[in-house]
Amino acid sequence: MNKLSTLGSATLLCIASLTIMVGSIVAPGMISISVQLGVADNAILLITLPALGAVIFSPIAGKLIDKYGAYPSVIIGMFLYGLVGVGAIFL
């Protein structure tokens, strides 16, 4: 196995904590964000949708890594995470 550089380690740590950090950063302003987006009744979904995307796609992550490698799998995963996160706009 190749040794991971310091930058690679920091990147991996940031990606691993993304789901939790998004919720903790957005939660304090959730009421004002949901009012501005016009989804005050479904404000909790603004945090839930990105986390739900990570939960739904996590079972296939190992298969993607085995088949395509780690780097392409991270790129695909980050794209899908962003796509599900943008789904909050369509509430």
PDB file of N, CA and C in Angstrom:
ATOM      1  N   MET A   1       0.848  -1.177   0.000  1.00  0.00           N
ATOM      2  CA  MET A   1       0.000   0.000   0.000  1.00  0.00           C
ATOM      3  C   MET A   1       0.891   1.236   0.000  1.00  0.00           C
ATOM      4  N   ASN A   2       0.516   2.230  -0.812  1.00  0.00           N
ATOM      5  CA  ASN A   2       1.284   3.467  -0.887  1.00  0.00           C
ATOM      6  C   ASN A   2       1.050   4.315   0.349  1.00  0.00           C
ATOM      7  N   LYS A   3       2.108   5.021   0.765  1.00  0.00           N
ATOM      8  CA  LYS A   3       1.988   5.910   1.914  1.00  0.00           C
ATOM      9  C   LYS A   3       1.245   7.173   1.488  1.00  0.00           C
ATOM     10  N   LEU A   4       0.309   7.597   2.305  1.00  0.00           N
ATOM     11  CA  LEU A   4      -0.503   8.776   2.022  1.00  0.00           C
ATOM     12  C   LEU A   4       0.243  10.018   2.494  1.00  0.00           C
ATOM     13  N   SER A   5       0.275  11.051   1.664  1.00  0.00           N
ATOM     14  CA  SER A   5       0.952  12.299   2.028  1.00  0.00           C
ATOM     15  C   SER A   5       0.151  13.030   3.110  1.00  0.00           C
ATOM     16  N   THR A   6       0.757  14.051   3.664  1.00  0.00           N
ATOM     17  CA  THR A   6       0.079  14.850   4.689  1.00  0.00           C
ATOM     18  C   THR A   6      -1.163  15.528   4.120  1.00  0.00           C
ATOM     19  N   LEU A   7      -1.049  16.047   2.909  1.00  0.00           N
ATOM     20  CA  LEU A   7      -2.200  16.678   2.263  1.00  0.00           C
ATOM     21  C   LEU A   7      -3.295  15.651   1.989  1.00  0.00           C
ATOM     22  N   GLY A   8      -2.897  14.456   1.561  1.00  0.00           N
ATOM     23  CA  GLY A   8      -3.869  13.393   1.336  1.00  0.00           C
ATOM     24  C   GLY A   8      -4.573  12.980   2.610  1.00  0.00           C
ATOM     25  N   SER A   9      -3.828  12.920   3.712  1.00  0.00           N
ATOM     26  CA  SER A   9      -4.428  12.581   5.010  1.00  0.00           C
ATOM     27  C   SER A   9      -5.426  13.642   5.453  1.00  0.00           C
ATOM     28  N   ALA A  10      -5.051  14.919   5.273  1.00  0.00           N
ATOM     29  CA  ALA A  10      -5.956  16.006   5.649  1.00  0.00           C
ATOM     30  C   ALA A  10      -7.217  15.991   4.780  1.00  0.00           C
ATOM     31  N   THR A  11      -7.055  15.720   3.497  1.00  0.00           N
ATOM     32  CA  THR A  11      -8.203  15.647   2.590  1.00  0.00           C
ATOM     33  C   THR A  11      -9.130  14.506   2.978  1.00  0.00           C
ATOM     34  N   LEU A  12      -8.553  13.359   3.275  1.00  0.00           N
ATOM     35  CA  LEU A  12      -9.357  12.207   3.689  1.00  0.00           C
ATOM     36  C   LEU A  12     -10.108  12.492   4.990  1.00  0.00           C
ATOM     37  N   LEU A  13      -9.467  13.170   5.928  1.00  0.00           N
ATOM     38  CA  LEU A  13     -10.128  13.537   7.176  1.00  0.00           C
ATOM     39  C   LEU A  13     -11.291  14.489   6.930  1.00  0.00           C
ATOM     40  N   CYS A  14     -11.096  15.461   6.057  1.00  0.00           N
ATOM     41  CA  CYS A  14     -12.175  16.413   5.748  1.00  0.00           C
ATOM     42  C   CYS A  14     -13.354  15.726   5.062  1.00  0.00           C
ATOM     43  N   ILE A  15     -13.063  14.819   4.142  1.00  0.00           N
ATOM     44  CA  ILE A  15     -14.144  14.105   3.451  1.00  0.00           C
ATOM     45  C   ILE A  15     -14.905  13.214   4.421  1.00  0.00           C
ATOM     46  N   ALA A  16     -14.183  12.569   5.330  1.00  0.00           N
ATOM     47  CA  ALA A  16     -14.824  11.664   6.281  1.00  0.00           C
ATOM     48  C   ALA A  16     -15.744  12.405   7.246  1.00  0.00           C
ATOM     49  N   SER A  17     -15.416  13.651   7.560  1.00  0.00           N
ATOM     50  CA  SER A  17     -16.228  14.394   8.526  1.00  0.00           C
ATOM     51  C   SER A  17     -17.251  15.310   7.853  1.00  0.00           C
ATOM     52  N   LEU A  18     -17.387  15.225   6.550  1.00  0.00           N
ATOM     53  CA  LEU A  18     -18.249  16.141   5.810  1.00  0.00           C
ATOM     54  C   LEU A  18     -19.707  16.079   6.240  1.00  0.00           C
ATOM     55  N   THR A  19     -20.263  14.898   6.371  1.00  0.00           N
ATOM     56  CA  THR A  19     -21.680  14.774   6.711  1.00  0.00           C
ATOM     57  C   THR A  19     -21.986  15.391   8.074  1.00  0.00           C
ATOM     58  N   ILE A  20     -21.150  15.112   9.051  1.00  0.00           N
ATOM     59  CA  ILE A  20     -21.366  15.651  10.397  1.00  0.00           C
ATOM     60  C   ILE A  20     -21.151  17.153  10.425  1.00  0.00           C
ATOM     61  N   MET A  21     -20.117  17.627   9.764  1.00  0.00           N
ATOM     62  CA  MET A  21     -19.798  19.055   9.815  1.00  0.00           C
ATOM     63  C   MET A  21     -20.837  19.903   9.093  1.00  0.00           C
ATOM     64  N   VAL A  22     -21.389  19.407   8.008  1.00  0.00           N
ATOM     65  CA  VAL A  22     -22.422  20.173   7.308  1.00  0.00           C
ATOM     66  C   VAL A  22     -23.607  20.413   8.236  1.00  0.00           C
ATOM     67  N   GLY A  23     -24.016  19.378   8.934  1.00  0.00           N
ATOM     68  CA  GLY A  23     -25.127  19.531   9.876  1.00  0.00           C
ATOM     69  C   GLY A  23     -24.818  20.497  10.999  1.00  0.00           C
ATOM     70  N   SER A  24     -23.626  20.439  11.542  1.00  0.00           N
ATOM     71  CA  SER A  24     -23.293  21.313  12.670  1.00  0.00           C
ATOM     72  C   SER A  24     -23.061  22.755  12.245  1.00  0.00           C
ATOM     73  N   ILE A  25     -22.681  22.975  11.010  1.00  0.00           N
ATOM     74  CA  ILE A  25     -22.474  24.341  10.533  1.00  0.00           C
ATOM     75  C   ILE A  25     -23.800  24.987  10.133  1.00  0.00           C
ATOM     76  N   VAL A  26     -24.667  24.224   9.515  1.00  0.00           N
ATOM     77  CA  VAL A  26     -25.916  24.774   8.988  1.00  0.00           C
ATOM     78  C   VAL A  26     -26.996  24.872  10.064  1.00  0.00           C
ATOM     79  N   ALA A  27     -26.971  23.996  11.061  1.00  0.00           N
ATOM     80  CA  ALA A  27     -28.052  23.916  12.059  1.00  0.00           C
ATOM     81  C   ALA A  27     -28.350  25.232  12.786  1.00  0.00           C
ATOM     82  N   PRO A  28     -27.356  26.011  13.220  1.00  0.00           N
ATOM     83  CA  PRO A  28     -27.706  27.248  13.942  1.00  0.00           C
ATOM     84  C   PRO A  28     -28.512  28.251  13.119  1.00  0.00           C
ATOM     85  N   GLY A  29     -28.315  28.274  11.826  1.00  0.00           N
ATOM     86  CA  GLY A  29     -29.050  29.213  10.994  1.00  0.00           C
ATOM     87  C   GLY A  29     -30.200  28.592  10.234  1.00  0.00           C
ATOM     88  N   MET A  30     -30.604  27.410  10.666  1.00  0.00           N
ATOM     89  CA  MET A  30     -31.613  26.648   9.926  1.00  0.00           C
ATOM     90  C   MET A  30     -32.940  27.393   9.787  1.00  0.00           C
ATOM     91  N   ILE A  31     -33.382  28.073  10.800  1.00  0.00           N
ATOM     92  CA  ILE A  31     -34.675  28.756  10.736  1.00  0.00           C
ATOM     93  C   ILE A  31     -34.642  29.866   9.690  1.00  0.00           C
ATOM     94  N   SER A  32     -33.611  30.696   9.724  1.00  0.00           N
ATOM     95  CA  SER A  32     -33.559  31.790   8.757  1.00  0.00           C
ATOM     96  C   SER A  32     -33.305  31.277   7.337  1.00  0.00           C
ATOM     97  N   ILE A  33     -32.515  30.222   7.194  1.00  0.00           N
ATOM     98  CA  ILE A  33     -32.278  29.645   5.865  1.00  0.00           C
ATOM     99  C   ILE A  33     -33.575  29.079   5.298  1.00  0.00           C
ATOM    100  N   SER A  34     -34.315  28.336   6.112  1.00  0.00           N
ATOM    101  CA  SER A  34     -35.550  27.722   5.625  1.00  0.00           C
ATOM    102  C   SER A  34     -36.609  28.764   5.286  1.00  0.00           C
ATOM    103  N   VAL A  35     -36.653  29.854   6.037  1.00  0.00           N
ATOM    104  CA  VAL A  35     -37.608  30.924   5.730  1.00  0.00           C
ATOM    105  C   VAL A  35     -37.241  31.585   4.401  1.00  0.00           C
ATOM    106  N   GLN A  36     -35.953  31.851   4.191  1.00  0.00           N
ATOM    107  CA  GLN A  36     -35.508  32.475   2.934  1.00  0.00           C
ATOM    108  C   GLN A  36     -35.752  31.577   1.727  1.00  0.00           C
ATOM    109  N   LEU A  37     -35.614  30.258   1.908  1.00  0.00           N
ATOM    110  CA  LEU A  37     -35.864  29.324   0.814  1.00  0.00           C
ATOM    111  C   LEU A  37     -37.343  29.002   0.643  1.00  0.00           C
ATOM    112  N   GLY A  38     -38.158  29.426   1.587  1.00  0.00           N
ATOM    113  CA  GLY A  38     -39.595  29.176   1.500  1.00  0.00           C
ATOM    114  C   GLY A  38     -39.984  27.762   1.865  1.00  0.00           C
ATOM    115  N   VAL A  39     -39.175  27.094   2.673  1.00  0.00           N
ATOM    116  CA  VAL A  39     -39.467  25.713   3.077  1.00  0.00           C
ATOM    117  C   VAL A  39     -39.469  25.598   4.601  1.00  0.00           C
ATOM    118  N   ALA A  40     -40.071  26.562   5.261  1.00  0.00           N
ATOM    119  CA  ALA A  40     -40.038  26.595   6.724  1.00  0.00           C
ATOM    120  C   ALA A  40     -40.666  25.351   7.349  1.00  0.00           C
ATOM    121  N   ASP A  41     -41.644  24.748   6.681  1.00  0.00           N
ATOM    122  CA  ASP A  41     -42.279  23.555   7.230  1.00  0.00           C
ATOM    123  C   ASP A  41     -41.384  22.325   7.139  1.00  0.00           C
ATOM    124  N   ASN A  42     -40.445  22.311   6.208  1.00  0.00           N
ATOM    125  CA  ASN A  42     -39.565  21.156   6.001  1.00  0.00           C
ATOM    126  C   ASN A  42     -38.104  21.512   6.256  1.00  0.00           C
ATOM    127  N   ALA A  43     -37.840  22.357   7.223  1.00  0.00           N
ATOM    128  CA  ALA A  43     -36.480  22.828   7.472  1.00  0.00           C
ATOM    129  C   ALA A  43     -35.519  21.693   7.823  1.00  0.00           C
ATOM    130  N   ILE A  44     -35.987  20.685   8.516  1.00  0.00           N
ATOM    131  CA  ILE A  44     -35.103  19.601   8.932  1.00  0.00           C
ATOM    132  C   ILE A  44     -34.557  18.833   7.734  1.00  0.00           C
ATOM    133  N   LEU A  45     -35.283  18.846   6.613  1.00  0.00           N
ATOM    134  CA  LEU A  45     -34.815  18.140   5.421  1.00  0.00           C
ATOM    135  C   LEU A  45     -33.584  18.789   4.799  1.00  0.00           C
ATOM    136  N   LEU A  46     -33.340  20.069   5.110  1.00  0.00           N
ATOM    137  CA  LEU A  46     -32.144  20.728   4.584  1.00  0.00           C
ATOM    138  C   LEU A  46     -30.874  20.096   5.144  1.00  0.00           C
ATOM    139  N   ILE A  47     -30.931  19.528   6.317  1.00  0.00           N
ATOM    140  CA  ILE A  47     -29.796  18.802   6.887  1.00  0.00           C
ATOM    141  C   ILE A  47     -29.903  17.322   6.561  1.00  0.00           C
ATOM    142  N   THR A  48     -31.097  16.803   6.539  1.00  0.00           N
ATOM    143  CA  THR A  48     -31.302  15.367   6.357  1.00  0.00           C
ATOM    144  C   THR A  48     -30.948  14.888   4.957  1.00  0.00           C
ATOM    145  N   LEU A  49     -31.275  15.662   3.924  1.00  0.00           N
ATOM    146  CA  LEU A  49     -31.040  15.203   2.552  1.00  0.00           C
ATOM    147  C   LEU A  49     -29.572  14.899   2.233  1.00  0.00           C
ATOM    148  N   PRO A  50     -28.621  15.777   2.564  1.00  0.00           N
ATOM    149  CA  PRO A  50     -27.225  15.414   2.294  1.00  0.00           C
ATOM    150  C   PRO A  50     -26.767  14.187   3.092  1.00  0.00           C
ATOM    151  N   ALA A  51     -27.189  14.087   4.344  1.00  0.00           N
ATOM    152  CA  ALA A  51     -26.829  12.918   5.152  1.00  0.00           C
ATOM    153  C   ALA A  51     -27.486  11.655   4.611  1.00  0.00           C
ATOM    154  N   LEU A  52     -28.709  11.780   4.139  1.00  0.00           N
ATOM    155  CA  LEU A  52     -29.409  10.638   3.565  1.00  0.00           C
ATOM    156  C   LEU A  52     -28.704  10.139   2.304  1.00  0.00           C
ATOM    157  N   GLY A  53     -28.189  11.062   1.530  1.00  0.00           N
ATOM    158  CA  GLY A  53     -27.417  10.671   0.354  1.00  0.00           C
ATOM    159  C   GLY A  53     -26.192   9.854   0.718  1.00  0.00           C
ATOM    160  N   ALA A  54     -25.498  10.251   1.776  1.00  0.00           N
ATOM    161  CA  ALA A  54     -24.326   9.492   2.225  1.00  0.00           C
ATOM    162  C   ALA A  54     -24.729   8.111   2.713  1.00  0.00           C
ATOM    163  N   VAL A  55     -25.842   8.009   3.401  1.00  0.00           N
ATOM    164  CA  VAL A  55     -26.304   6.712   3.907  1.00  0.00           C
ATOM    165  C   VAL A  55     -26.737   5.797   2.765  1.00  0.00           C
ATOM    166  N   ILE A  56     -27.432   6.341   1.802  1.00  0.00           N
ATOM    167  CA  ILE A  56     -27.926   5.530   0.690  1.00  0.00           C
ATOM    168  C   ILE A  56     -26.777   4.990  -0.160  1.00  0.00           C
ATOM    169  N   PHE A  57     -25.783   5.826  -0.438  1.00  0.00           N
ATOM    170  CA  PHE A  57     -24.705   5.414  -1.328  1.00  0.00           C
ATOM    171  C   PHE A  57     -23.550   4.718  -0.613  1.00  0.00           C
ATOM    172  N   SER A  58     -23.521   4.713   0.701  1.00  0.00           N
ATOM    173  CA  SER A  58     -22.400   4.088   1.411  1.00  0.00           C
ATOM    174  C   SER A  58     -22.285   2.574   1.218  1.00  0.00           C
ATOM    175  N   PRO A  59     -23.375   1.815   1.078  1.00  0.00           N
ATOM    176  CA  PRO A  59     -23.194   0.369   0.860  1.00  0.00           C
ATOM    177  C   PRO A  59     -22.468   0.019  -0.437  1.00  0.00           C
ATOM    178  N   ILE A  60     -22.572   0.870  -1.446  1.00  0.00           N
ATOM    179  CA  ILE A  60     -21.897   0.548  -2.699  1.00  0.00           C
ATOM    180  C   ILE A  60     -20.497   1.162  -2.793  1.00  0.00           C
ATOM    181  N   ALA A  61     -20.092   1.917  -1.786  1.00  0.00           N
ATOM    182  CA  ALA A  61     -18.785   2.580  -1.830  1.00  0.00           C
ATOM    183  C   ALA A  61     -17.635   1.576  -1.904  1.00  0.00           C
ATOM    184  N   GLY A  62     -17.694   0.503  -1.149  1.00  0.00           N
ATOM    185  CA  GLY A  62     -16.638  -0.506  -1.184  1.00  0.00           C
ATOM    186  C   GLY A  62     -16.509  -1.159  -2.546  1.00  0.00           C
ATOM    187  N   LYS A  63     -17.628  -1.423  -3.178  1.00  0.00           N
ATOM    188  CA  LYS A  63     -17.607  -2.028  -4.514  1.00  0.00           C
ATOM    189  C   LYS A  63     -17.039  -1.057  -5.546  1.00  0.00           C
ATOM    190  N   LEU A  64     -17.376   0.220  -5.408  1.00  0.00           N
ATOM    191  CA  LEU A  64     -16.814   1.215  -6.321  1.00  0.00           C
ATOM    192  C   LEU A  64     -15.301   1.320  -6.152  1.00  0.00           C
ATOM    193  N   ILE A  65     -14.838   1.296  -4.913  1.00  0.00           N
ATOM    194  CA  ILE A  65     -13.399   1.382  -4.655  1.00  0.00           C
ATOM    195  C   ILE A  65     -12.678   0.172  -5.225  1.00  0.00           C
ATOM    196  N   ASP A  66     -13.238  -1.019  -5.034  1.00  0.00           N
ATOM    197  CA  ASP A  66     -12.614  -2.226  -5.579  1.00  0.00           C
ATOM    198  C   ASP A  66     -12.590  -2.214  -7.103  1.00  0.00           C
ATOM    199  N   LYS A  67     -13.644  -1.703  -7.707  1.00  0.00           N
ATOM    200  CA  LYS A  67     -13.756  -1.760  -9.162  1.00  0.00           C
ATOM    201  C   LYS A  67     -12.995  -0.630  -9.858  1.00  0.00           C
ATOM    202  N   TYR A  68     -13.102   0.604  -9.356  1.00  0.00           N
ATOM    203  CA  TYR A  68     -12.540   1.764 -10.040  1.00  0.00           C
ATOM    204  C   TYR A  68     -11.334   2.387  -9.353  1.00  0.00           C
ATOM    205  N   GLY A  69     -11.094   2.062  -8.087  1.00  0.00           N
ATOM    206  CA  GLY A  69     -10.003   2.683  -7.346  1.00  0.00           C
ATOM    207  C   GLY A  69     -10.529   3.757  -6.405  1.00  0.00           C
ATOM    208  N   ALA A  70      -9.674   4.190  -5.494  1.00  0.00           N
ATOM    209  CA  ALA A  70     -10.098   5.132  -4.457  1.00  0.00           C
ATOM    210  C   ALA A  70     -10.375   6.534  -5.000  1.00  0.00           C
ATOM    211  N   TYR A  71      -9.475   7.057  -5.816  1.00  0.00           N
ATOM    212  CA  TYR A  71      -9.642   8.437  -6.283  1.00  0.00           C
ATOM    213  C   TYR A  71     -10.902   8.629  -7.126  1.00  0.00           C
ATOM    214  N   PRO A  72     -11.135   7.820  -8.155  1.00  0.00           N
ATOM    215  CA  PRO A  72     -12.381   7.998  -8.916  1.00  0.00           C
ATOM    216  C   PRO A  72     -13.625   7.793  -8.053  1.00  0.00           C
ATOM    217  N   SER A  73     -13.539   6.907  -7.069  1.00  0.00           N
ATOM    218  CA  SER A  73     -14.688   6.677  -6.188  1.00  0.00           C
ATOM    219  C   SER A  73     -14.982   7.894  -5.333  1.00  0.00           C
ATOM    220  N   VAL A  74     -13.938   8.576  -4.855  1.00  0.00           N
ATOM    221  CA  VAL A  74     -14.144   9.805  -4.074  1.00  0.00           C
ATOM    222  C   VAL A  74     -14.766  10.875  -4.954  1.00  0.00           C
ATOM    223  N   ILE A  75     -14.300  11.008  -6.175  1.00  0.00           N
ATOM    224  CA  ILE A  75     -14.856  12.008  -7.081  1.00  0.00           C
ATOM    225  C   ILE A  75     -16.336  11.725  -7.354  1.00  0.00           C
ATOM    226  N   ILE A  76     -16.666  10.467  -7.638  1.00  0.00           N
ATOM    227  CA  ILE A  76     -18.062  10.081  -7.874  1.00  0.00           C
ATOM    228  C   ILE A  76     -18.897  10.329  -6.619  1.00  0.00           C
ATOM    229  N   GLY A  77     -18.371   9.942  -5.468  1.00  0.00           N
ATOM    230  CA  GLY A  77     -19.096  10.124  -4.211  1.00  0.00           C
ATOM    231  C   GLY A  77     -19.345  11.583  -3.878  1.00  0.00           C
ATOM    232  N   MET A  78     -18.349  12.433  -4.107  1.00  0.00           N
ATOM    233  CA  MET A  78     -18.532  13.857  -3.823  1.00  0.00           C
ATOM    234  C   MET A  78     -19.548  14.478  -4.783  1.00  0.00           C
ATOM    235  N   PHE A  79     -19.542  14.035  -6.033  1.00  0.00           N
ATOM    236  CA  PHE A  79     -20.533  14.520  -6.986  1.00  0.00           C
ATOM    237  C   PHE A  79     -21.944  14.126  -6.548  1.00  0.00           C
ATOM    238  N   LEU A  80     -22.118  12.866  -6.174  1.00  0.00           N
ATOM    239  CA  LEU A  80     -23.439  12.404  -5.732  1.00  0.00           C
ATOM    240  C   LEU A  80     -23.861  13.089  -4.432  1.00  0.00           C
ATOM    241  N   TYR A  81     -22.923  13.315  -3.528  1.00  0.00           N
ATOM    242  CA  TYR A  81     -23.219  14.016  -2.277  1.00  0.00           C
ATOM    243  C   TYR A  81     -23.720  15.433  -2.572  1.00  0.00           C
ATOM    244  N   GLY A  82     -23.053  16.110  -3.475  1.00  0.00           N
ATOM    245  CA  GLY A  82     -23.492  17.457  -3.862  1.00  0.00           C
ATOM    246  C   GLY A  82     -24.839  17.436  -4.552  1.00  0.00           C
ATOM    247  N   LEU A  83     -25.064  16.439  -5.395  1.00  0.00           N
ATOM    248  CA  LEU A  83     -26.331  16.329  -6.110  1.00  0.00           C
ATOM    249  C   LEU A  83     -27.501  16.131  -5.145  1.00  0.00           C
ATOM    250  N   VAL A  84     -27.334  15.260  -4.169  1.00  0.00           N
ATOM    251  CA  VAL A  84     -28.389  15.043  -3.183  1.00  0.00           C
ATOM    252  C   VAL A  84     -28.551  16.259  -2.293  1.00  0.00           C
ATOM    253  N   GLY A  85     -27.443  16.952  -1.982  1.00  0.00           N
ATOM    254  CA  GLY A  85     -27.520  18.168  -1.178  1.00  0.00           C
ATOM    255  C   GLY A  85     -28.272  19.276  -1.880  1.00  0.00           C
ATOM    256  N   VAL A  86     -28.111  19.371  -3.183  1.00  0.00           N
ATOM    257  CA  VAL A  86     -28.829  20.369  -3.965  1.00  0.00           C
ATOM    258  C   VAL A  86     -30.317  20.030  -4.022  1.00  0.00           C
ATOM    259  N   GLY A  87     -30.665  18.790  -3.746  1.00  0.00           N
ATOM    260  CA  GLY A  87     -32.069  18.378  -3.743  1.00  0.00           C
ATOM    261  C   GLY A  87     -32.921  19.178  -2.778  1.00  0.00           C
ATOM    262  N   ALA A  88     -32.290  19.812  -1.800  1.00  0.00           N
ATOM    263  CA  ALA A  88     -33.045  20.635  -0.851  1.00  0.00           C
ATOM    264  C   ALA A  88     -33.678  21.844  -1.527  1.00  0.00           C
ATOM    265  N   ILE A  89     -33.117  22.269  -2.639  1.00  0.00           N
ATOM    266  CA  ILE A  89     -33.692  23.413  -3.362  1.00  0.00           C
ATOM    267  C   ILE A  89     -35.076  23.069  -3.885  1.00  0.00           C
ATOM    268  N   PHE A  90     -35.292  21.812  -4.222  1.00  0.00           N
ATOM    269  CA  PHE A  90     -36.548  21.402  -4.850  1.00  0.00           C
ATOM    270  C   PHE A  90     -37.618  20.992  -3.850  1.00  0.00           C
ATOM    271  N   LEU A  91     -37.384  21.260  -2.568  1.00  0.00           N
ATOM    272  CA  LEU A  91     -38.407  20.984  -1.583  1.00  0.00           C
ATOM    273  C   LEU A  91     -39.559  21.944  -1.817  1.00  0.00           C
TER     274      LEU A  91
END
